[in-house]
Amino acid sequence: MIKKLFDWLKQPLGLIAVGIVFLALFSAAAYGIWTTQQAPEQPVQFPHKTHIAFGIQCLYCHPGASKGPAAGIPSQAKCWACHNQIVKTQTSPLLAPLKDAVLSGQSLEWVPVAIVPDFVQFNHRPHIAAGRNCEECHGDMTQQLVAQNPQVMNMGWCLNCHIEAAGEDQEKLIKLADCGTCHY
């Protein structure tokens, strides 16, 4: 059976078929890498850089990161509580969608930026509890006007960090590198 397969692959049609499959896989991988690196269009341009310059910490807007799996997005009311006090932003066209949503009681539909596949479980809380900085995964937000992933968040990237975090502690390494730590 295997010999027939190899004989078939030596034929021009077999080589073309393998080439098409390879091209399709390469294209899909390139598309996946490209699309994970693009910042999604958001309902309001949210310049993390500006907010951080005012001394606002990550956990102020994303308190879920220290409590559980999802970092969360602040409520519109939380955003508007500050922006309503700043006359300049009350009339800003950039903040019109926020103001309109607050006044109408509608919700803004934020597009997630850091997404893991369905077969991966990620919990922010143990990472924050272990002293990991948000920048390690999300990049230096003081330099980003628009939130985007600075790295491809894949299993190899995560495992490198887990191995580094374990250091010489073999028990910790076994726990952090165990498939069940991140996968269902």
C-alpha atoms as a PDB file:
ATOM      1  CA  MET A   1       0.000   0.000   0.000  1.00  0.00           C
ATOM      2  CA  ILE A   2       2.722   2.478   1.009  1.00  0.00           C
ATOM      3  CA  LYS A   3       4.840   1.463  -1.992  1.00  0.00           C
ATOM      4  CA  LYS A   4       1.902   2.275  -4.305  1.00  0.00           C
ATOM      5  CA  LEU A   5       1.551   5.671  -2.637  1.00  0.00           C
ATOM      6  CA  PHE A   6       5.239   6.472  -3.165  1.00  0.00           C
ATOM      7  CA  ASP A   7       5.042   5.262  -6.773  1.00  0.00           C
ATOM      8  CA  TRP A   8       2.016   7.529  -7.302  1.00  0.00           C
ATOM      9  CA  LEU A   9       3.898  10.500  -5.819  1.00  0.00           C
ATOM     10  CA  LYS A  10       6.668  10.014  -8.397  1.00  0.00           C
ATOM     11  CA  GLN A  11       4.180  10.649 -11.217  1.00  0.00           C
ATOM     12  CA  PRO A  12       3.652  14.243 -12.476  1.00  0.00           C
ATOM     13  CA  LEU A  13       0.024  14.219 -11.313  1.00  0.00           C
ATOM     14  CA  GLY A  14       1.115  13.097  -7.838  1.00  0.00           C
ATOM     15  CA  LEU A  15       3.694  15.868  -7.619  1.00  0.00           C
ATOM     16  CA  ILE A  16       1.106  18.420  -8.709  1.00  0.00           C
ATOM     17  CA  ALA A  17      -1.337  17.146  -6.063  1.00  0.00           C
ATOM     18  CA  VAL A  18       1.321  17.367  -3.340  1.00  0.00           C
ATOM     19  CA  GLY A  19       2.240  20.861  -4.550  1.00  0.00           C
ATOM     20  CA  ILE A  20      -1.386  21.993  -4.389  1.00  0.00           C
ATOM     21  CA  VAL A  21      -1.807  20.593  -0.870  1.00  0.00           C
ATOM     22  CA  PHE A  22       1.445  22.235   0.256  1.00  0.00           C
ATOM     23  CA  LEU A  23       0.430  25.562  -1.306  1.00  0.00           C
ATOM     24  CA  ALA A  24      -2.999  25.403   0.369  1.00  0.00           C
ATOM     25  CA  LEU A  25      -1.475  24.655   3.784  1.00  0.00           C
ATOM     26  CA  PHE A  26       1.159  27.364   3.386  1.00  0.00           C
ATOM     27  CA  SER A  27      -1.484  29.895   2.299  1.00  0.00           C
ATOM     28  CA  ALA A  28      -3.730  29.032   5.242  1.00  0.00           C
ATOM     29  CA  ALA A  29      -0.831  29.381   7.686  1.00  0.00           C
ATOM     30  CA  ALA A  30       0.258  32.697   6.174  1.00  0.00           C
ATOM     31  CA  TYR A  31      -3.325  33.982   6.277  1.00  0.00           C
ATOM     32  CA  GLY A  32      -3.645  32.917   9.924  1.00  0.00           C
ATOM     33  CA  ILE A  33      -0.439  34.685  10.898  1.00  0.00           C
ATOM     34  CA  TRP A  34      -1.396  37.806   8.940  1.00  0.00           C
ATOM     35  CA  THR A  35      -4.892  38.077  10.395  1.00  0.00           C
ATOM     36  CA  THR A  36      -3.756  37.505  13.986  1.00  0.00           C
ATOM     37  CA  GLN A  37      -1.350  40.420  13.666  1.00  0.00           C
ATOM     38  CA  GLN A  38      -3.903  42.951  12.439  1.00  0.00           C
ATOM     39  CA  ALA A  39      -5.604  45.250  14.925  1.00  0.00           C
ATOM     40  CA  PRO A  40      -9.370  44.861  14.568  1.00  0.00           C
ATOM     41  CA  GLU A  41     -11.641  47.819  13.874  1.00  0.00           C
ATOM     42  CA  GLN A  42     -13.210  48.953  17.164  1.00  0.00           C
ATOM     43  CA  PRO A  43     -16.375  51.027  17.741  1.00  0.00           C
ATOM     44  CA  VAL A  44     -14.268  53.719  19.444  1.00  0.00           C
ATOM     45  CA  GLN A  45     -10.577  54.353  18.930  1.00  0.00           C
ATOM     46  CA  PHE A  46      -9.148  53.563  22.336  1.00  0.00           C
ATOM     47  CA  PRO A  47      -5.591  54.907  22.724  1.00  0.00           C
ATOM     48  CA  HIS A  48      -4.090  52.830  25.535  1.00  0.00           C
ATOM     49  CA  LYS A  49      -0.991  55.033  25.274  1.00  0.00           C
ATOM     50  CA  THR A  50      -2.959  58.150  26.283  1.00  0.00           C
ATOM     51  CA  HIS A  51      -4.731  56.502  29.207  1.00  0.00           C
ATOM     52  CA  ILE A  52      -1.502  54.990  30.551  1.00  0.00           C
ATOM     53  CA  ALA A  53       0.147  58.433  30.332  1.00  0.00           C
ATOM     54  CA  PHE A  54      -2.530  59.641  32.776  1.00  0.00           C
ATOM     55  CA  GLY A  55      -1.471  56.914  35.214  1.00  0.00           C
ATOM     56  CA  ILE A  56      -4.373  54.538  34.635  1.00  0.00           C
ATOM     57  CA  GLN A  57      -3.222  50.992  35.417  1.00  0.00           C
ATOM     58  CA  CYS A  58      -4.259  47.945  33.364  1.00  0.00           C
ATOM     59  CA  LEU A  59      -6.258  46.427  36.227  1.00  0.00           C
ATOM     60  CA  TYR A  60      -8.371  49.573  36.633  1.00  0.00           C
ATOM     61  CA  CYS A  61     -10.048  48.938  33.286  1.00  0.00           C
ATOM     62  CA  HIS A  62      -9.482  45.176  33.212  1.00  0.00           C
ATOM     63  CA  PRO A  63     -10.161  44.061  36.822  1.00  0.00           C
ATOM     64  CA  GLY A  64     -11.150  40.552  35.751  1.00  0.00           C
ATOM     65  CA  ALA A  65      -7.493  39.740  35.033  1.00  0.00           C
ATOM     66  CA  SER A  66      -6.720  39.478  38.747  1.00  0.00           C
ATOM     67  CA  LYS A  67      -9.922  37.569  39.553  1.00  0.00           C
ATOM     68  CA  GLY A  68     -10.442  34.998  36.827  1.00  0.00           C
ATOM     69  CA  PRO A  69     -10.066  33.883  33.236  1.00  0.00           C
ATOM     70  CA  ALA A  70     -11.176  36.990  31.351  1.00  0.00           C
ATOM     71  CA  ALA A  71      -9.603  40.412  31.799  1.00  0.00           C
ATOM     72  CA  GLY A  72     -12.866  42.037  30.762  1.00  0.00           C
ATOM     73  CA  ILE A  73     -13.691  45.348  29.149  1.00  0.00           C
ATOM     74  CA  PRO A  74     -14.781  48.293  31.305  1.00  0.00           C
ATOM     75  CA  SER A  75     -18.405  49.305  31.205  1.00  0.00           C
ATOM     76  CA  GLN A  76     -19.332  52.321  29.135  1.00  0.00           C
ATOM     77  CA  ALA A  77     -20.509  53.975  32.335  1.00  0.00           C
ATOM     78  CA  LYS A  78     -17.004  53.621  33.783  1.00  0.00           C
ATOM     79  CA  CYS A  79     -15.492  55.258  30.696  1.00  0.00           C
ATOM     80  CA  TRP A  80     -18.086  58.011  30.595  1.00  0.00           C
ATOM     81  CA  ALA A  81     -17.713  58.773  34.313  1.00  0.00           C
ATOM     82  CA  CYS A  82     -14.290  60.242  33.495  1.00  0.00           C
ATOM     83  CA  HIS A  83     -14.908  61.504  29.976  1.00  0.00           C
ATOM     84  CA  ASN A  84     -18.103  63.296  30.983  1.00  0.00           C
ATOM     85  CA  GLN A  85     -15.965  65.469  33.291  1.00  0.00           C
ATOM     86  CA  ILE A  86     -13.603  66.483  30.490  1.00  0.00           C
ATOM     87  CA  VAL A  87     -15.320  69.175  28.414  1.00  0.00           C
ATOM     88  CA  LYS A  88     -13.019  68.601  25.434  1.00  0.00           C
ATOM     89  CA  THR A  89     -14.059  64.938  25.154  1.00  0.00           C
ATOM     90  CA  GLN A  90     -17.773  65.657  25.511  1.00  0.00           C
ATOM     91  CA  THR A  91     -17.774  67.125  22.014  1.00  0.00           C
ATOM     92  CA  SER A  92     -15.043  64.984  20.460  1.00  0.00           C
ATOM     93  CA  PRO A  93     -16.189  63.185  17.296  1.00  0.00           C
ATOM     94  CA  LEU A  94     -13.922  60.276  18.296  1.00  0.00           C
ATOM     95  CA  LEU A  95     -15.981  59.756  21.453  1.00  0.00           C
ATOM     96  CA  ALA A  96     -19.385  60.310  19.845  1.00  0.00           C
ATOM     97  CA  PRO A  97     -20.075  56.538  19.665  1.00  0.00           C
ATOM     98  CA  LEU A  98     -19.353  56.219  23.406  1.00  0.00           C
ATOM     99  CA  LYS A  99     -21.523  59.206  24.309  1.00  0.00           C
ATOM    100  CA  ASP A 100     -24.356  58.004  22.050  1.00  0.00           C
ATOM    101  CA  ALA A 101     -24.200  54.498  23.526  1.00  0.00           C
ATOM    102  CA  VAL A 102     -24.289  55.793  27.106  1.00  0.00           C
ATOM    103  CA  LEU A 103     -27.176  58.181  26.446  1.00  0.00           C
ATOM    104  CA  SER A 104     -29.202  55.601  24.494  1.00  0.00           C
ATOM    105  CA  GLY A 105     -28.465  52.671  26.806  1.00  0.00           C
ATOM    106  CA  GLN A 106     -27.015  50.667  23.918  1.00  0.00           C
ATOM    107  CA  SER A 107     -23.843  48.600  24.204  1.00  0.00           C
ATOM    108  CA  LEU A 108     -20.700  49.140  22.181  1.00  0.00           C
ATOM    109  CA  GLU A 109     -19.568  45.951  20.491  1.00  0.00           C
ATOM    110  CA  TRP A 110     -15.844  45.686  21.209  1.00  0.00           C
ATOM    111  CA  VAL A 111     -13.914  43.208  19.087  1.00  0.00           C
ATOM    112  CA  PRO A 112     -11.630  40.884  21.096  1.00  0.00           C
ATOM    113  CA  VAL A 113      -7.945  41.332  20.320  1.00  0.00           C
ATOM    114  CA  ALA A 114      -6.217  38.450  22.128  1.00  0.00           C
ATOM    115  CA  ILE A 115      -8.103  35.294  21.199  1.00  0.00           C
ATOM    116  CA  VAL A 116      -7.140  31.722  21.986  1.00  0.00           C
ATOM    117  CA  PRO A 117      -8.651  28.730  20.149  1.00  0.00           C
ATOM    118  CA  ASP A 118     -11.662  26.952  21.641  1.00  0.00           C
ATOM    119  CA  PHE A 119      -9.518  23.996  22.726  1.00  0.00           C
ATOM    120  CA  VAL A 120      -7.319  26.234  24.875  1.00  0.00           C
ATOM    121  CA  GLN A 121      -8.216  27.482  28.318  1.00  0.00           C
ATOM    122  CA  PHE A 122      -6.465  30.630  29.445  1.00  0.00           C
ATOM    123  CA  ASN A 123      -6.877  32.162  32.868  1.00  0.00           C
ATOM    124  CA  HIS A 124      -5.363  35.577  33.575  1.00  0.00           C
ATOM    125  CA  ARG A 125      -5.518  35.167  37.367  1.00  0.00           C
ATOM    126  CA  PRO A 126      -2.633  32.689  37.896  1.00  0.00           C
ATOM    127  CA  HIS A 127      -0.442  34.722  35.562  1.00  0.00           C
ATOM    128  CA  ILE A 128      -1.126  37.941  37.508  1.00  0.00           C
ATOM    129  CA  ALA A 129      -0.724  36.084  40.829  1.00  0.00           C
ATOM    130  CA  ALA A 130       2.657  34.761  39.637  1.00  0.00           C
ATOM    131  CA  GLY A 131       3.795  38.336  39.057  1.00  0.00           C
ATOM    132  CA  ARG A 132       3.680  38.277  35.268  1.00  0.00           C
ATOM    133  CA  ASN A 133       3.336  41.714  33.714  1.00  0.00           C
ATOM    134  CA  CYS A 134       0.615  42.427  31.172  1.00  0.00           C
ATOM    135  CA  GLU A 135       3.318  43.650  28.765  1.00  0.00           C
ATOM    136  CA  GLU A 136       4.871  40.189  28.568  1.00  0.00           C
ATOM    137  CA  CYS A 137       1.933  38.973  26.479  1.00  0.00           C
ATOM    138  CA  HIS A 138       0.227  42.140  25.305  1.00  0.00           C
ATOM    139  CA  GLY A 139       3.278  44.244  24.511  1.00  0.00           C
ATOM    140  CA  ASP A 140       4.179  47.737  25.615  1.00  0.00           C
ATOM    141  CA  MET A 141       0.828  49.500  25.558  1.00  0.00           C
ATOM    142  CA  THR A 142       2.546  52.840  26.205  1.00  0.00           C
ATOM    143  CA  GLN A 143       3.631  52.619  22.570  1.00  0.00           C
ATOM    144  CA  GLN A 144       0.319  51.443  21.108  1.00  0.00           C
ATOM    145  CA  LEU A 145      -2.423  53.758  20.002  1.00  0.00           C
ATOM    146  CA  VAL A 146      -4.550  50.756  19.044  1.00  0.00           C
ATOM    147  CA  ALA A 147      -4.504  47.460  20.942  1.00  0.00           C
ATOM    148  CA  GLN A 148      -3.016  44.652  18.906  1.00  0.00           C
ATOM    149  CA  ASN A 149      -1.078  41.494  19.582  1.00  0.00           C
ATOM    150  CA  PRO A 150       2.628  42.151  19.186  1.00  0.00           C
ATOM    151  CA  GLN A 151       3.323  38.413  19.026  1.00  0.00           C
ATOM    152  CA  VAL A 152       1.750  35.324  17.609  1.00  0.00           C
ATOM    153  CA  MET A 153       0.263  33.686  20.672  1.00  0.00           C
ATOM    154  CA  ASN A 154       0.716  30.009  19.921  1.00  0.00           C
ATOM    155  CA  MET A 155       1.556  26.931  21.963  1.00  0.00           C
ATOM    156  CA  GLY A 156       5.314  27.170  21.418  1.00  0.00           C
ATOM    157  CA  TRP A 157       5.358  30.789  22.539  1.00  0.00           C
ATOM    158  CA  CYS A 158       3.375  29.983  25.695  1.00  0.00           C
ATOM    159  CA  LEU A 159       5.473  26.887  26.471  1.00  0.00           C
ATOM    160  CA  ASN A 160       8.705  28.875  26.244  1.00  0.00           C
ATOM    161  CA  CYS A 161       7.389  31.181  28.950  1.00  0.00           C
ATOM    162  CA  HIS A 162       6.166  28.246  31.083  1.00  0.00           C
ATOM    163  CA  ILE A 163       9.560  26.529  30.836  1.00  0.00           C
ATOM    164  CA  GLU A 164      11.351  29.766  31.711  1.00  0.00           C
ATOM    165  CA  ALA A 165       9.017  30.338  34.679  1.00  0.00           C
ATOM    166  CA  ALA A 166       9.720  26.842  36.041  1.00  0.00           C
ATOM    167  CA  GLY A 167      13.473  27.377  36.031  1.00  0.00           C
ATOM    168  CA  GLU A 168      15.225  24.450  37.689  1.00  0.00           C
ATOM    169  CA  ASP A 169      12.118  23.336  39.622  1.00  0.00           C
ATOM    170  CA  GLN A 170      11.234  20.019  37.932  1.00  0.00           C
ATOM    171  CA  GLU A 171       7.870  19.647  39.712  1.00  0.00           C
ATOM    172  CA  LYS A 172       6.842  23.114  38.600  1.00  0.00           C
ATOM    173  CA  LEU A 173       8.029  22.338  35.063  1.00  0.00           C
ATOM    174  CA  ILE A 174       5.940  19.154  34.950  1.00  0.00           C
ATOM    175  CA  LYS A 175       2.864  21.095  36.079  1.00  0.00           C
ATOM    176  CA  LEU A 176       3.397  24.063  33.737  1.00  0.00           C
ATOM    177  CA  ALA A 177       4.273  21.919  30.709  1.00  0.00           C
ATOM    178  CA  ASP A 178       1.418  19.438  31.257  1.00  0.00           C
ATOM    179  CA  CYS A 179      -1.011  19.549  28.322  1.00  0.00           C
ATOM    180  CA  GLY A 180      -3.969  19.701  30.736  1.00  0.00           C
ATOM    181  CA  THR A 181      -2.717  22.997  32.148  1.00  0.00           C
ATOM    182  CA  CYS A 182      -3.901  24.810  29.027  1.00  0.00           C
ATOM    183  CA  HIS A 183      -5.952  22.300  27.039  1.00  0.00           C
ATOM    184  CA  TYR A 184      -9.336  20.795  27.866  1.00  0.00           C
END
